């Protein structure tokens, strides 16, 4: 039987009488010296010198801003504290407006004269979420824009069937159609109750009115 041979490292003294010493990795370093690390960072780029450019500046093109002034059928009377006070024909209406983060300019007594206030509660009795402080009002009432008749409407989602703040866009569109001096076709997507379509048609355009809401199409036909 062969004797067992220990494969572990032999720590017995060597034949020369001393223990075997491990090899030093820093054998080439002198006493007190440190190994040098290789600098692998990228070289710094030279600073860029700015030079003054000569010649004319590029032409500046500012966007066209259209504003809506008050008229006989609509006026924005005041806004603030998350609400807006508007005049729609004979009625003064208060509705929420999240972008009105400033303070109201008119005193409280002017706001208290409102004929209709959108409450936003869950009471769906009657025509929706509206409160009428003075006297109950019907769902619709007659309105007019530049000779075009339409109906205002108290909807259950705070809208009143028209966006009169876009009146300047309607007038601008009518001017472009009239100035074209040629047949013009207008595709009105998201046409809603159709006032923009009526303005374009009166100006002489062939209009295609489109809206995904069957209810809105019915209102436009009225």
Protein backbone atom coordinates (compact mmCIF):
# COMPACT_ATOMS: atom_id res chain seq x y z
CA UNK A 1 0.00 0.00 0.00
CA UNK A 2 1.35 3.38 -1.02
CA UNK A 3 1.84 5.85 1.79
CA UNK A 4 -0.48 8.89 1.97
CA UNK A 5 1.06 11.96 0.42
CA UNK A 6 0.01 15.36 1.72
CA UNK A 7 -0.51 17.64 -1.27
CA UNK A 8 -0.73 20.74 0.89
CA UNK A 9 2.08 23.21 0.82
CA UNK A 10 5.06 21.89 2.75
CA UNK A 11 5.88 24.38 5.48
CA UNK A 12 8.78 22.42 6.81
CA UNK A 13 12.21 24.02 6.78
CA UNK A 14 14.10 23.69 3.55
CA UNK A 15 17.24 21.81 3.14
CA UNK A 16 19.18 25.03 3.72
CA UNK A 17 17.77 25.25 7.21
CA UNK A 18 15.30 28.15 6.73
CA UNK A 19 11.60 28.39 5.95
CA UNK A 20 10.64 28.99 2.33
CA UNK A 21 9.90 32.67 1.76
CA UNK A 22 7.05 33.78 -0.56
CA UNK A 23 7.95 35.79 -3.61
CA UNK A 24 7.36 39.53 -3.37
CA UNK A 25 5.51 41.22 -6.20
CA UNK A 26 7.23 44.52 -5.48
CA UNK A 27 10.66 43.04 -5.58
CA UNK A 28 11.75 45.68 -8.03
CA UNK A 29 10.74 48.60 -5.74
CA UNK A 30 13.16 50.23 -3.40
CA UNK A 31 12.36 50.82 0.23
CA UNK A 32 9.90 53.65 0.80
CA UNK A 33 8.84 53.93 -2.86
CA UNK A 34 5.22 53.65 -4.10
CA UNK A 35 4.03 51.99 -7.32
CA UNK A 36 3.20 54.44 -10.09
CA UNK A 37 -0.34 54.34 -11.54
CA UNK A 38 -0.73 54.76 -15.26
CA UNK A 39 -2.64 57.95 -16.19
CA UNK A 40 -5.37 56.85 -18.61
CA UNK A 41 -7.44 60.06 -18.55
CA UNK A 42 -8.11 61.82 -21.86
CA UNK A 43 -6.07 64.91 -22.59
CA UNK A 44 -7.85 68.18 -21.84
CA UNK A 45 -9.14 70.04 -24.88
CA UNK A 46 -7.85 73.51 -25.52
CA UNK A 47 -10.32 76.28 -24.52
CA UNK A 48 -12.54 77.48 -27.36
CA UNK A 49 -12.06 81.11 -28.25
CA UNK A 50 -15.27 83.04 -28.94
CA UNK A 51 -15.21 85.39 -31.88
CA UNK A 52 -17.61 88.23 -32.59
CA UNK A 53 -19.78 87.70 -35.65
CA UNK A 54 -20.39 90.50 -38.06
CA UNK A 55 -23.28 91.10 -40.43
CA UNK A 56 -27.05 91.42 -40.20
CA UNK A 57 -29.01 89.46 -37.62
CA UNK A 58 -31.52 86.79 -38.76
CA UNK A 59 -35.03 88.03 -39.36
CA UNK A 60 -37.34 87.69 -36.35
CA UNK A 61 -40.77 86.13 -36.90
CA UNK A 62 -43.28 86.64 -34.12
CA UNK A 63 -46.43 84.49 -33.80
CA UNK A 64 -49.77 86.02 -34.70
CA UNK A 65 -51.73 86.60 -31.49
CA UNK A 66 -55.48 86.94 -31.91
CA UNK A 67 -57.49 88.62 -29.16
CA UNK A 68 -61.23 88.64 -28.58
CA UNK A 69 -62.85 91.85 -27.43
CA UNK A 70 -66.24 92.08 -25.72
CA UNK A 71 -69.31 92.33 -27.93
CA UNK A 72 -73.06 92.33 -27.57
CA UNK A 73 -73.30 88.55 -27.13
CA UNK A 74 -70.19 87.64 -25.15
CA UNK A 75 -67.76 89.21 -22.69
CA UNK A 76 -65.25 87.87 -20.18
CA UNK A 77 -66.09 90.00 -17.16
CA UNK A 78 -63.62 88.70 -14.59
CA UNK A 79 -61.58 85.65 -13.55
CA UNK A 80 -59.60 84.43 -10.57
CA UNK A 81 -59.52 81.98 -7.67
CA UNK A 82 -60.16 79.10 -10.08
CA UNK A 83 -63.30 80.60 -11.65
CA UNK A 84 -64.37 82.87 -14.52
CA UNK A 85 -67.33 85.22 -14.84
CA UNK A 86 -68.76 85.56 -18.36
CA UNK A 87 -71.67 87.26 -20.06
CA UNK A 88 -73.50 85.10 -22.61
CA UNK A 89 -76.23 87.17 -24.17
CA UNK A 90 -78.69 88.00 -21.38
CA UNK A 91 -77.12 85.65 -18.82
CA UNK A 92 -74.18 86.10 -16.47
CA UNK A 93 -72.49 82.72 -15.92
CA UNK A 94 -69.87 81.46 -13.45
CA UNK A 95 -67.78 78.44 -14.41
CA UNK A 96 -64.59 76.84 -13.02
CA UNK A 97 -61.29 77.75 -14.67
CA UNK A 98 -58.21 75.94 -13.37
CA UNK A 99 -55.76 78.33 -15.03
CA UNK A 100 -57.17 81.40 -13.24
CA UNK A 101 -54.74 81.22 -10.31
CA UNK A 102 -54.77 84.97 -9.58
CA UNK A 103 -57.15 86.99 -7.43
CA UNK A 104 -60.51 88.25 -8.67
CA UNK A 105 -60.66 91.89 -9.76
CA UNK A 106 -64.38 92.57 -9.36
CA UNK A 107 -66.03 92.71 -5.94
CA UNK A 108 -68.08 89.79 -4.64
CA UNK A 109 -71.39 91.56 -5.33
CA UNK A 110 -70.71 91.42 -9.09
CA UNK A 111 -70.14 87.66 -8.93
CA UNK A 112 -73.26 87.20 -6.81
CA UNK A 113 -75.37 88.63 -9.64
CA UNK A 114 -74.78 85.47 -11.70
CA UNK A 115 -77.77 83.84 -13.38
CA UNK A 116 -76.15 80.39 -13.61
CA UNK A 117 -73.31 78.74 -11.67
CA UNK A 118 -71.69 75.44 -12.56
CA UNK A 119 -71.35 73.62 -9.25
CA UNK A 120 -69.57 70.44 -10.31
CA UNK A 121 -71.47 68.33 -7.76
CA UNK A 122 -73.03 64.94 -8.44
CA UNK A 123 -76.62 66.12 -8.55
CA UNK A 124 -77.83 65.25 -12.05
CA UNK A 125 -81.41 66.32 -11.43
CA UNK A 126 -82.81 68.47 -14.22
CA UNK A 127 -80.31 69.48 -16.89
CA UNK A 128 -77.12 68.76 -14.99
CA UNK A 129 -74.70 70.33 -12.57
CA UNK A 130 -75.95 73.89 -12.69
CA UNK A 131 -77.42 76.11 -10.01
CA UNK A 132 -79.68 79.04 -10.88
CA UNK A 133 -79.71 81.55 -7.99
CA UNK A 134 -82.42 83.81 -9.43
CA UNK A 135 -84.85 81.72 -11.45
CA UNK A 136 -84.69 78.31 -13.16
CA UNK A 137 -83.53 78.56 -16.76
CA UNK A 138 -84.15 76.30 -19.72
CA UNK A 139 -81.52 74.10 -21.31
CA UNK A 140 -80.94 76.43 -24.28
CA UNK A 141 -81.22 80.11 -25.08
CA UNK A 142 -80.77 82.06 -28.36
CA UNK A 143 -77.39 83.58 -29.15
CA UNK A 144 -75.92 85.39 -32.16
CA UNK A 145 -72.44 85.84 -33.60
CA UNK A 146 -71.98 88.46 -36.30
CA UNK A 147 -75.47 87.82 -37.63
CA UNK A 148 -75.32 84.01 -37.33
CA UNK A 149 -77.93 82.55 -34.99
CA UNK A 150 -77.06 79.67 -32.67
CA UNK A 151 -78.09 78.27 -29.29
CA UNK A 152 -76.28 78.49 -25.99
CA UNK A 153 -76.70 75.35 -23.93
CA UNK A 154 -76.20 74.39 -20.27
CA UNK A 155 -74.43 71.03 -20.53
CA UNK A 156 -73.65 68.66 -17.67
CA UNK A 157 -69.89 69.03 -18.32
CA UNK A 158 -69.69 72.83 -17.71
CA UNK A 159 -69.57 73.86 -21.40
CA UNK A 160 -72.26 76.06 -22.89
CA UNK A 161 -72.23 74.74 -26.47
CA UNK A 162 -69.85 77.30 -27.93
CA UNK A 163 -66.35 78.69 -27.39
CA UNK A 164 -66.76 82.42 -28.10
CA UNK A 165 -63.14 83.11 -27.12
CA UNK A 166 -62.33 81.70 -30.57
CA UNK A 167 -64.29 84.41 -32.36
CA UNK A 168 -61.10 86.08 -33.58
CA UNK A 169 -60.08 82.79 -35.21
CA UNK A 170 -63.44 82.57 -36.96
CA UNK A 171 -63.09 86.10 -38.30
CA UNK A 172 -59.51 85.42 -39.41
CA UNK A 173 -60.64 82.27 -41.21
CA UNK A 174 -63.48 84.10 -42.95
CA UNK A 175 -61.05 86.77 -44.13
CA UNK A 176 -58.70 84.18 -45.61
CA UNK A 177 -61.56 82.46 -47.44
CA UNK A 178 -62.85 85.73 -48.88
CA UNK A 179 -59.37 86.85 -49.94
CA UNK A 180 -58.61 83.57 -51.74
CA UNK A 181 -60.74 84.57 -54.75
CA UNK A 182 -61.16 80.90 -55.62
CA UNK A 183 -63.18 77.89 -54.42
CA UNK A 184 -62.08 76.86 -50.93
CA UNK A 185 -62.78 73.58 -49.13
CA UNK A 186 -62.72 73.46 -45.31
CA UNK A 187 -62.50 70.29 -43.22
CA UNK A 188 -63.64 71.09 -39.68
CA UNK A 189 -62.54 68.27 -37.39
CA UNK A 190 -63.88 68.17 -33.84
CA UNK A 191 -66.51 70.57 -35.16
CA UNK A 192 -68.63 70.45 -31.97
CA UNK A 193 -71.80 72.52 -32.37
CA UNK A 194 -70.71 73.90 -35.73
CA UNK A 195 -70.39 77.66 -35.36
CA UNK A 196 -66.98 77.68 -37.09
CA UNK A 197 -68.49 75.63 -39.92
CA UNK A 198 -71.30 78.17 -40.33
CA UNK A 199 -68.82 81.06 -40.43
CA UNK A 200 -66.74 79.31 -43.11
CA UNK A 201 -69.82 78.42 -45.17
CA UNK A 202 -71.11 81.98 -45.08
CA UNK A 203 -67.71 83.19 -46.29
CA UNK A 204 -68.14 81.00 -49.39
CA UNK A 205 -66.29 77.79 -48.50
CA UNK A 206 -67.46 74.23 -49.05
CA UNK A 207 -67.41 72.79 -45.52
CA UNK A 208 -67.21 69.21 -44.26
CA UNK A 209 -68.18 69.11 -40.58
CA UNK A 210 -66.89 66.14 -38.54
CA UNK A 211 -67.35 65.22 -34.89
CA UNK A 212 -67.26 61.87 -33.08
CA UNK A 213 -70.13 62.89 -30.79
CA UNK A 214 -73.57 62.10 -32.18
CA UNK A 215 -75.06 64.51 -29.67
CA UNK A 216 -72.79 67.36 -30.88
CA UNK A 217 -73.78 66.65 -34.49
CA UNK A 218 -77.42 66.92 -33.46
CA UNK A 219 -76.76 70.26 -31.78
CA UNK A 220 -74.99 71.52 -34.93
CA UNK A 221 -78.05 70.68 -37.04
CA UNK A 222 -80.23 72.82 -34.81
